[in-house]
Amino acid sequence: MGRPPLKKTCTVEGCERPHKSHGYCATHYKQFLRGAPITPILKRDYNHGLICSVEGCDAPEKARGLCSTHYKRWERHGRSDAVYKPWGTK
């Protein structure tokens, strides 16, 4: 039985993502390959404190004032109230 692998992290200051190659995480490694300057990764907060605009839904907003479920329905069907019905049901 071999020893457990070492937990390596990205060598960029402040980055705690796992190591991929050349001492960088996947994001910083892509910057390195492109020849772009290595920049810190900004954390994004998607919780705006808003709730879905559909009546009776208390889920947090994802986009366009809708939660992820209602937003997906809007993308697929053009309206947020569309509901999937299995074949053979009325």
N, C-alpha and C. Protein backbone atom coordinates (compact mmCIF):
# COMPACT_ATOMS: atom_id res chain seq x y z
N MET A 1 0.84 -1.17 0.00
CA MET A 1 0.00 0.00 0.00
C MET A 1 0.89 1.24 0.00
N GLY A 2 0.64 2.13 -0.96
CA GLY A 2 1.46 3.33 -1.07
C GLY A 2 0.99 4.42 -0.13
N ARG A 3 1.79 5.44 -0.05
CA ARG A 3 1.40 6.56 0.81
C ARG A 3 0.32 7.40 0.13
N PRO A 4 -0.48 8.10 0.90
CA PRO A 4 -1.54 8.92 0.32
C PRO A 4 -0.96 10.07 -0.48
N PRO A 5 -1.63 10.49 -1.55
CA PRO A 5 -1.11 11.59 -2.36
C PRO A 5 -1.10 12.89 -1.57
N LEU A 6 -0.12 13.74 -1.86
CA LEU A 6 -0.02 15.03 -1.21
C LEU A 6 -1.11 15.95 -1.74
N LYS A 7 -1.67 16.74 -0.85
CA LYS A 7 -2.70 17.69 -1.26
C LYS A 7 -1.99 18.96 -1.70
N LYS A 8 -1.93 19.13 -3.01
CA LYS A 8 -1.27 20.32 -3.55
C LYS A 8 -2.32 21.36 -3.90
N THR A 9 -1.97 22.61 -3.68
CA THR A 9 -2.85 23.71 -4.07
C THR A 9 -2.10 24.62 -5.03
N CYS A 10 -2.84 25.50 -5.66
CA CYS A 10 -2.30 26.45 -6.61
C CYS A 10 -1.23 27.32 -5.93
N THR A 11 -0.20 27.67 -6.69
CA THR A 11 0.89 28.47 -6.12
C THR A 11 0.63 29.97 -6.17
N VAL A 12 -0.46 30.38 -6.80
CA VAL A 12 -0.81 31.81 -6.84
C VAL A 12 -1.27 32.24 -5.45
N GLU A 13 -0.76 33.37 -5.00
CA GLU A 13 -1.07 33.85 -3.66
C GLU A 13 -2.57 34.05 -3.47
N GLY A 14 -3.13 33.46 -2.42
CA GLY A 14 -4.54 33.60 -2.10
C GLY A 14 -5.44 32.58 -2.77
N CYS A 15 -4.92 31.78 -3.69
CA CYS A 15 -5.73 30.79 -4.39
C CYS A 15 -5.62 29.45 -3.67
N GLU A 16 -6.75 28.90 -3.28
CA GLU A 16 -6.77 27.63 -2.55
C GLU A 16 -7.28 26.48 -3.41
N ARG A 17 -7.40 26.70 -4.71
CA ARG A 17 -7.90 25.64 -5.59
C ARG A 17 -6.86 24.54 -5.76
N PRO A 18 -7.32 23.33 -6.10
CA PRO A 18 -6.38 22.22 -6.25
C PRO A 18 -5.44 22.41 -7.44
N HIS A 19 -4.22 21.91 -7.28
CA HIS A 19 -3.17 21.97 -8.29
C HIS A 19 -3.55 21.15 -9.52
N LYS A 20 -3.28 21.69 -10.71
CA LYS A 20 -3.50 20.96 -11.95
C LYS A 20 -2.18 20.69 -12.65
N SER A 21 -1.45 21.74 -13.00
CA SER A 21 -0.19 21.56 -13.72
C SER A 21 0.68 22.80 -13.56
N HIS A 22 1.98 22.60 -13.62
CA HIS A 22 2.96 23.69 -13.52
C HIS A 22 2.75 24.55 -12.28
N GLY A 23 2.17 23.99 -11.22
CA GLY A 23 1.97 24.72 -9.98
C GLY A 23 0.70 25.55 -9.94
N TYR A 24 -0.12 25.48 -10.99
CA TYR A 24 -1.33 26.29 -11.07
C TYR A 24 -2.59 25.42 -10.99
N CYS A 25 -3.69 26.06 -10.58
CA CYS A 25 -5.00 25.42 -10.66
C CYS A 25 -5.45 25.49 -12.13
N ALA A 26 -6.60 24.91 -12.46
CA ALA A 26 -7.06 24.88 -13.85
C ALA A 26 -7.22 26.28 -14.44
N THR A 27 -7.81 27.20 -13.67
CA THR A 27 -8.04 28.55 -14.18
C THR A 27 -6.74 29.30 -14.43
N HIS A 28 -5.83 29.26 -13.46
CA HIS A 28 -4.55 29.95 -13.62
C HIS A 28 -3.69 29.27 -14.68
N TYR A 29 -3.81 27.96 -14.82
CA TYR A 29 -3.06 27.25 -15.85
C TYR A 29 -3.51 27.69 -17.24
N LYS A 30 -4.82 27.91 -17.43
CA LYS A 30 -5.31 28.40 -18.72
C LYS A 30 -4.76 29.79 -19.01
N GLN A 31 -4.68 30.64 -17.98
CA GLN A 31 -4.10 31.97 -18.17
C GLN A 31 -2.63 31.84 -18.57
N PHE A 32 -1.93 30.92 -17.92
CA PHE A 32 -0.51 30.67 -18.22
C PHE A 32 -0.34 30.22 -19.67
N LEU A 33 -1.18 29.29 -20.14
CA LEU A 33 -1.08 28.77 -21.50
C LEU A 33 -1.36 29.86 -22.55
N ARG A 34 -2.27 30.76 -22.24
CA ARG A 34 -2.60 31.84 -23.17
C ARG A 34 -1.54 32.94 -23.17
N GLY A 35 -0.68 32.93 -22.18
CA GLY A 35 0.31 33.99 -22.05
C GLY A 35 -0.26 35.23 -21.40
N ALA A 36 -1.43 35.09 -20.80
CA ALA A 36 -2.08 36.21 -20.13
C ALA A 36 -1.48 36.41 -18.75
N PRO A 37 -1.60 37.60 -18.20
CA PRO A 37 -1.12 37.80 -16.83
C PRO A 37 -1.94 36.96 -15.85
N ILE A 38 -1.26 36.40 -14.88
CA ILE A 38 -1.93 35.57 -13.87
C ILE A 38 -2.64 36.50 -12.90
N THR A 39 -3.96 36.42 -12.87
CA THR A 39 -4.76 37.32 -12.04
C THR A 39 -5.51 36.53 -10.97
N PRO A 40 -5.85 37.16 -9.85
CA PRO A 40 -6.61 36.45 -8.82
C PRO A 40 -8.02 36.14 -9.30
N ILE A 41 -8.60 35.09 -8.76
CA ILE A 41 -9.96 34.70 -9.09
C ILE A 41 -10.90 35.37 -8.10
N LEU A 42 -11.88 36.08 -8.63
CA LEU A 42 -12.83 36.78 -7.78
C LEU A 42 -13.99 35.86 -7.44
N LYS A 43 -14.36 35.84 -6.18
CA LYS A 43 -15.52 35.06 -5.77
C LYS A 43 -16.76 35.88 -6.06
N ARG A 44 -17.78 35.23 -6.61
CA ARG A 44 -19.01 35.91 -6.94
C ARG A 44 -20.11 35.48 -5.98
N ASP A 45 -20.88 36.45 -5.55
CA ASP A 45 -22.01 36.17 -4.67
C ASP A 45 -23.28 36.31 -5.49
N TYR A 46 -23.93 35.19 -5.76
CA TYR A 46 -25.13 35.21 -6.58
C TYR A 46 -26.40 35.36 -5.76
N ASN A 47 -26.29 35.37 -4.45
CA ASN A 47 -27.47 35.53 -3.62
C ASN A 47 -27.75 37.02 -3.44
N HIS A 48 -28.74 37.51 -4.15
CA HIS A 48 -29.08 38.92 -4.10
C HIS A 48 -30.06 39.23 -2.97
N GLY A 49 -30.52 38.18 -2.28
CA GLY A 49 -31.49 38.38 -1.23
C GLY A 49 -32.90 38.51 -1.78
N LEU A 50 -33.08 38.25 -3.06
CA LEU A 50 -34.39 38.36 -3.69
C LEU A 50 -35.01 36.98 -3.83
N ILE A 51 -36.32 36.95 -3.93
CA ILE A 51 -37.00 35.67 -4.13
C ILE A 51 -37.67 35.68 -5.51
N CYS A 52 -38.04 34.51 -5.96
CA CYS A 52 -38.68 34.31 -7.25
C CYS A 52 -39.94 35.17 -7.36
N SER A 53 -40.17 35.74 -8.54
CA SER A 53 -41.32 36.62 -8.73
C SER A 53 -42.62 35.86 -9.04
N VAL A 54 -42.54 34.52 -9.19
CA VAL A 54 -43.74 33.73 -9.44
C VAL A 54 -44.53 33.62 -8.13
N GLU A 55 -45.81 33.89 -8.21
CA GLU A 55 -46.65 33.88 -7.02
C GLU A 55 -46.62 32.52 -6.33
N GLY A 56 -46.38 32.52 -5.02
CA GLY A 56 -46.36 31.29 -4.24
C GLY A 56 -45.01 30.60 -4.19
N CYS A 57 -44.02 31.11 -4.90
CA CYS A 57 -42.68 30.49 -4.90
C CYS A 57 -41.77 31.31 -3.99
N ASP A 58 -41.12 30.64 -3.04
CA ASP A 58 -40.21 31.32 -2.10
C ASP A 58 -38.75 31.01 -2.37
N ALA A 59 -38.44 30.40 -3.50
CA ALA A 59 -37.06 30.04 -3.83
C ALA A 59 -36.26 31.30 -4.17
N PRO A 60 -34.93 31.28 -3.95
CA PRO A 60 -34.12 32.46 -4.26
C PRO A 60 -34.05 32.70 -5.77
N GLU A 61 -33.95 33.97 -6.13
CA GLU A 61 -33.87 34.36 -7.53
C GLU A 61 -32.56 33.92 -8.15
N LYS A 62 -32.61 33.45 -9.40
CA LYS A 62 -31.40 33.09 -10.14
C LYS A 62 -31.15 34.11 -11.23
N ALA A 63 -32.15 34.35 -12.09
CA ALA A 63 -32.01 35.29 -13.20
C ALA A 63 -33.38 35.79 -13.62
N ARG A 64 -33.42 37.03 -14.12
CA ARG A 64 -34.65 37.64 -14.62
C ARG A 64 -35.79 37.59 -13.62
N GLY A 65 -35.48 37.61 -12.33
CA GLY A 65 -36.50 37.60 -11.30
C GLY A 65 -37.11 36.24 -11.03
N LEU A 66 -36.52 35.18 -11.59
CA LEU A 66 -37.06 33.84 -11.44
C LEU A 66 -36.05 32.93 -10.75
N CYS A 67 -36.58 31.92 -10.03
CA CYS A 67 -35.72 30.90 -9.43
C CYS A 67 -35.23 29.97 -10.56
N SER A 68 -34.35 29.04 -10.24
CA SER A 68 -33.78 28.18 -11.28
C SER A 68 -34.85 27.33 -11.97
N THR A 69 -35.83 26.81 -11.21
CA THR A 69 -36.89 25.99 -11.80
C THR A 69 -37.74 26.79 -12.78
N HIS A 70 -38.21 27.95 -12.35
CA HIS A 70 -39.06 28.76 -13.22
C HIS A 70 -38.26 29.36 -14.37
N TYR A 71 -36.99 29.65 -14.15
CA TYR A 71 -36.15 30.17 -15.23
C TYR A 71 -35.96 29.11 -16.31
N LYS A 72 -35.72 27.86 -15.92
CA LYS A 72 -35.57 26.78 -16.90
C LYS A 72 -36.85 26.57 -17.69
N ARG A 73 -37.99 26.65 -17.01
CA ARG A 73 -39.28 26.53 -17.70
C ARG A 73 -39.45 27.67 -18.70
N TRP A 74 -39.06 28.88 -18.31
CA TRP A 74 -39.15 30.02 -19.20
C TRP A 74 -38.24 29.85 -20.42
N GLU A 75 -37.02 29.33 -20.21
CA GLU A 75 -36.10 29.09 -21.32
C GLU A 75 -36.66 28.05 -22.30
N ARG A 76 -37.19 26.96 -21.77
CA ARG A 76 -37.65 25.85 -22.62
C ARG A 76 -38.98 26.12 -23.30
N HIS A 77 -39.91 26.74 -22.58
CA HIS A 77 -41.28 26.85 -23.07
C HIS A 77 -41.74 28.28 -23.33
N GLY A 78 -40.92 29.25 -22.96
CA GLY A 78 -41.31 30.64 -23.18
C GLY A 78 -42.23 31.20 -22.11
N ARG A 79 -42.51 30.41 -21.10
CA ARG A 79 -43.33 30.88 -19.98
C ARG A 79 -42.94 30.10 -18.73
N SER A 80 -43.06 30.73 -17.59
CA SER A 80 -42.58 30.11 -16.35
C SER A 80 -43.59 29.19 -15.70
N ASP A 81 -44.84 29.19 -16.19
CA ASP A 81 -45.85 28.34 -15.56
C ASP A 81 -45.99 26.98 -16.25
N ALA A 82 -45.19 26.71 -17.28
CA ALA A 82 -45.26 25.42 -17.98
C ALA A 82 -44.80 24.31 -17.05
N VAL A 83 -45.53 23.20 -17.06
CA VAL A 83 -45.22 22.07 -16.19
C VAL A 83 -45.12 20.81 -17.05
N TYR A 84 -44.13 20.00 -16.76
CA TYR A 84 -43.93 18.76 -17.49
C TYR A 84 -45.02 17.76 -17.12
N LYS A 85 -45.66 17.19 -18.12
CA LYS A 85 -46.66 16.16 -17.90
C LYS A 85 -46.23 14.89 -18.64
N PRO A 86 -46.13 13.77 -17.95
CA PRO A 86 -45.74 12.54 -18.62
C PRO A 86 -46.75 12.12 -19.70
N TRP A 87 -46.28 11.36 -20.66
CA TRP A 87 -47.13 10.87 -21.73
C TRP A 87 -48.31 10.09 -21.16
N GLY A 88 -49.47 10.26 -21.77
CA GLY A 88 -50.65 9.50 -21.37
C GLY A 88 -51.45 10.15 -20.26
N THR A 89 -51.04 11.31 -19.77
CA THR A 89 -51.81 12.00 -18.75
C THR A 89 -52.48 13.22 -19.36
N LYS A 90 -53.57 13.62 -18.75
CA LYS A 90 -54.28 14.79 -19.28
C LYS A 90 -54.23 15.94 -18.33
